[in-house]
Amino acid sequence: MNKNGRKIMKRTPEEIKEQIEMWLDEKWRIANMDDARPQDMSYYDGAIGALVLAGYEWERDEQGKHLLYVF
């Protein structure tokens, strides 16, 4: 528990990576929907940019699935 009495949930680096990949998959789908707004793609692009600044490299396959690499 932390100093506020809340239980701390610990995630492994692999769990965090998988969650981010799934989140990016979702944002990519939203940004490419027929009724997508320009800000949907801007939100996705901003997320990718933040990950690159944090030291990640990434790939997206033809189905829109993301893979992250930390170096």
N, C-alpha and C. Protein backbone atom coordinates (compact mmCIF):
# COMPACT_ATOMS: atom_id res chain seq x y z
N MET A 1 0.84 -1.19 0.00
CA MET A 1 0.00 0.00 0.00
C MET A 1 0.88 1.24 0.00
N ASN A 2 0.35 2.29 -0.61
CA ASN A 2 1.12 3.52 -0.62
C ASN A 2 0.80 4.34 0.63
N LYS A 3 1.36 5.53 0.73
CA LYS A 3 1.18 6.34 1.95
C LYS A 3 -0.25 6.82 2.14
N ASN A 4 -1.09 6.75 1.06
CA ASN A 4 -2.49 7.14 1.19
C ASN A 4 -3.40 5.96 1.50
N GLY A 5 -2.81 4.79 1.73
CA GLY A 5 -3.58 3.61 2.06
C GLY A 5 -4.19 2.90 0.86
N ARG A 6 -3.78 3.27 -0.33
CA ARG A 6 -4.29 2.63 -1.54
C ARG A 6 -3.40 1.47 -1.93
N LYS A 7 -4.03 0.43 -2.42
CA LYS A 7 -3.27 -0.73 -2.88
C LYS A 7 -2.57 -0.37 -4.20
N ILE A 8 -1.30 -0.71 -4.29
CA ILE A 8 -0.52 -0.43 -5.49
C ILE A 8 -0.55 -1.68 -6.37
N MET A 9 -1.02 -1.51 -7.59
CA MET A 9 -1.02 -2.62 -8.53
C MET A 9 0.24 -2.52 -9.37
N LYS A 10 1.02 -3.55 -9.34
CA LYS A 10 2.27 -3.55 -10.10
C LYS A 10 2.06 -4.29 -11.40
N ARG A 11 2.53 -3.68 -12.48
CA ARG A 11 2.49 -4.32 -13.80
C ARG A 11 3.92 -4.53 -14.25
N THR A 12 4.12 -5.61 -14.96
CA THR A 12 5.44 -5.88 -15.50
C THR A 12 5.66 -4.99 -16.73
N PRO A 13 6.91 -4.76 -17.10
CA PRO A 13 7.16 -3.99 -18.33
C PRO A 13 6.49 -4.61 -19.56
N GLU A 14 6.43 -5.94 -19.62
CA GLU A 14 5.77 -6.61 -20.75
C GLU A 14 4.26 -6.33 -20.75
N GLU A 15 3.64 -6.32 -19.57
CA GLU A 15 2.21 -6.00 -19.49
C GLU A 15 1.94 -4.56 -19.94
N ILE A 16 2.80 -3.66 -19.52
CA ILE A 16 2.65 -2.26 -19.91
C ILE A 16 2.79 -2.12 -21.42
N LYS A 17 3.78 -2.77 -22.00
CA LYS A 17 4.01 -2.73 -23.45
C LYS A 17 2.79 -3.26 -24.19
N GLU A 18 2.24 -4.39 -23.76
CA GLU A 18 1.06 -4.97 -24.41
C GLU A 18 -0.15 -4.04 -24.31
N GLN A 19 -0.33 -3.41 -23.15
CA GLN A 19 -1.45 -2.48 -22.98
C GLN A 19 -1.31 -1.27 -23.90
N ILE A 20 -0.10 -0.76 -24.02
CA ILE A 20 0.12 0.39 -24.92
C ILE A 20 -0.14 -0.02 -26.36
N GLU A 21 0.32 -1.21 -26.76
CA GLU A 21 0.09 -1.68 -28.13
C GLU A 21 -1.40 -1.80 -28.42
N MET A 22 -2.16 -2.36 -27.47
CA MET A 22 -3.60 -2.49 -27.67
C MET A 22 -4.27 -1.11 -27.74
N TRP A 23 -3.82 -0.19 -26.92
CA TRP A 23 -4.37 1.17 -26.92
C TRP A 23 -4.10 1.85 -28.26
N LEU A 24 -2.87 1.69 -28.79
CA LEU A 24 -2.54 2.26 -30.09
C LEU A 24 -3.38 1.63 -31.19
N ASP A 25 -3.62 0.31 -31.13
CA ASP A 25 -4.48 -0.35 -32.11
C ASP A 25 -5.86 0.30 -32.13
N GLU A 26 -6.40 0.53 -30.94
CA GLU A 26 -7.72 1.15 -30.84
C GLU A 26 -7.72 2.57 -31.40
N LYS A 27 -6.72 3.36 -31.04
CA LYS A 27 -6.66 4.75 -31.52
C LYS A 27 -6.50 4.78 -33.04
N TRP A 28 -5.75 3.82 -33.60
CA TRP A 28 -5.58 3.74 -35.05
C TRP A 28 -6.92 3.43 -35.72
N ARG A 29 -7.67 2.46 -35.15
CA ARG A 29 -8.99 2.13 -35.71
C ARG A 29 -9.91 3.34 -35.69
N ILE A 30 -9.94 4.05 -34.57
CA ILE A 30 -10.80 5.22 -34.44
C ILE A 30 -10.40 6.29 -35.45
N ALA A 31 -9.11 6.53 -35.60
CA ALA A 31 -8.62 7.57 -36.51
C ALA A 31 -8.90 7.23 -37.98
N ASN A 32 -9.18 5.96 -38.28
CA ASN A 32 -9.41 5.55 -39.65
C ASN A 32 -10.85 5.12 -39.93
N MET A 33 -11.75 5.45 -39.03
CA MET A 33 -13.17 5.17 -39.26
C MET A 33 -13.71 6.12 -40.32
N ASP A 34 -14.80 5.74 -40.95
CA ASP A 34 -15.41 6.59 -41.98
C ASP A 34 -15.78 7.97 -41.45
N ASP A 35 -16.21 8.03 -40.19
CA ASP A 35 -16.63 9.31 -39.61
C ASP A 35 -15.58 9.91 -38.67
N ALA A 36 -14.31 9.54 -38.86
CA ALA A 36 -13.23 10.05 -38.00
C ALA A 36 -13.09 11.55 -38.16
N ARG A 37 -12.72 12.18 -37.08
CA ARG A 37 -12.46 13.63 -37.08
C ARG A 37 -10.96 13.86 -37.22
N PRO A 38 -10.56 15.02 -37.73
CA PRO A 38 -9.12 15.29 -37.85
C PRO A 38 -8.39 15.17 -36.51
N GLN A 39 -9.03 15.54 -35.44
CA GLN A 39 -8.37 15.46 -34.13
C GLN A 39 -8.13 14.02 -33.69
N ASP A 40 -8.88 13.06 -34.24
CA ASP A 40 -8.62 11.66 -33.91
C ASP A 40 -7.23 11.25 -34.41
N MET A 41 -6.89 11.64 -35.62
CA MET A 41 -5.56 11.32 -36.16
C MET A 41 -4.48 12.13 -35.43
N SER A 42 -4.79 13.36 -35.08
CA SER A 42 -3.83 14.18 -34.33
C SER A 42 -3.53 13.55 -32.98
N TYR A 43 -4.54 13.02 -32.32
CA TYR A 43 -4.37 12.36 -31.03
C TYR A 43 -3.46 11.15 -31.18
N TYR A 44 -3.72 10.34 -32.20
CA TYR A 44 -2.90 9.16 -32.48
C TYR A 44 -1.46 9.58 -32.78
N ASP A 45 -1.29 10.56 -33.67
CA ASP A 45 0.06 11.03 -34.02
C ASP A 45 0.81 11.55 -32.80
N GLY A 46 0.11 12.25 -31.91
CA GLY A 46 0.73 12.76 -30.70
C GLY A 46 1.19 11.64 -29.77
N ALA A 47 0.37 10.60 -29.68
CA ALA A 47 0.75 9.44 -28.85
C ALA A 47 1.99 8.76 -29.40
N ILE A 48 2.04 8.58 -30.72
CA ILE A 48 3.22 7.97 -31.34
C ILE A 48 4.44 8.85 -31.10
N GLY A 49 4.29 10.15 -31.27
CA GLY A 49 5.40 11.07 -31.04
C GLY A 49 5.93 11.01 -29.62
N ALA A 50 5.02 10.91 -28.66
CA ALA A 50 5.43 10.83 -27.25
C ALA A 50 6.21 9.53 -26.98
N LEU A 51 5.76 8.45 -27.58
CA LEU A 51 6.47 7.18 -27.39
C LEU A 51 7.87 7.23 -28.01
N VAL A 52 7.99 7.85 -29.16
CA VAL A 52 9.30 7.99 -29.80
C VAL A 52 10.23 8.83 -28.92
N LEU A 53 9.70 9.91 -28.37
CA LEU A 53 10.52 10.74 -27.47
C LEU A 53 10.93 9.98 -26.21
N ALA A 54 10.11 9.03 -25.79
CA ALA A 54 10.42 8.23 -24.59
C ALA A 54 11.39 7.09 -24.89
N GLY A 55 11.80 6.96 -26.15
CA GLY A 55 12.80 5.96 -26.49
C GLY A 55 12.28 4.70 -27.14
N TYR A 56 11.00 4.69 -27.52
CA TYR A 56 10.43 3.51 -28.19
C TYR A 56 10.59 3.62 -29.70
N GLU A 57 10.70 2.49 -30.34
CA GLU A 57 10.53 2.39 -31.79
C GLU A 57 9.28 1.56 -31.99
N TRP A 58 8.65 1.70 -33.14
CA TRP A 58 7.37 1.03 -33.32
C TRP A 58 7.16 0.61 -34.77
N GLU A 59 6.25 -0.34 -34.93
CA GLU A 59 5.80 -0.79 -36.24
C GLU A 59 4.29 -0.96 -36.18
N ARG A 60 3.66 -0.82 -37.33
CA ARG A 60 2.23 -1.10 -37.46
C ARG A 60 2.06 -1.96 -38.70
N ASP A 61 1.39 -3.11 -38.57
CA ASP A 61 1.22 -3.98 -39.71
C ASP A 61 0.01 -3.56 -40.55
N GLU A 62 -0.25 -4.28 -41.61
CA GLU A 62 -1.35 -3.93 -42.52
C GLU A 62 -2.72 -4.01 -41.87
N GLN A 63 -2.84 -4.80 -40.82
CA GLN A 63 -4.10 -4.92 -40.10
C GLN A 63 -4.26 -3.87 -38.98
N GLY A 64 -3.26 -3.00 -38.83
CA GLY A 64 -3.33 -1.97 -37.81
C GLY A 64 -2.84 -2.39 -36.44
N LYS A 65 -2.16 -3.53 -36.36
CA LYS A 65 -1.61 -3.99 -35.08
C LYS A 65 -0.24 -3.36 -34.86
N HIS A 66 -0.03 -2.86 -33.66
CA HIS A 66 1.22 -2.18 -33.32
C HIS A 66 2.17 -3.09 -32.55
N LEU A 67 3.45 -2.89 -32.78
CA LEU A 67 4.51 -3.53 -32.01
C LEU A 67 5.45 -2.43 -31.52
N LEU A 68 5.78 -2.47 -30.24
CA LEU A 68 6.71 -1.50 -29.66
C LEU A 68 8.02 -2.17 -29.33
N TYR A 69 9.09 -1.41 -29.50
CA TYR A 69 10.43 -1.88 -29.17
C TYR A 69 11.10 -0.81 -28.32
N VAL A 70 11.72 -1.24 -27.23
CA VAL A 70 12.44 -0.31 -26.35
C VAL A 70 13.92 -0.58 -26.52
N PHE A 71 14.67 0.48 -26.77
CA PHE A 71 16.12 0.33 -26.94
C PHE A 71 16.85 1.17 -25.92
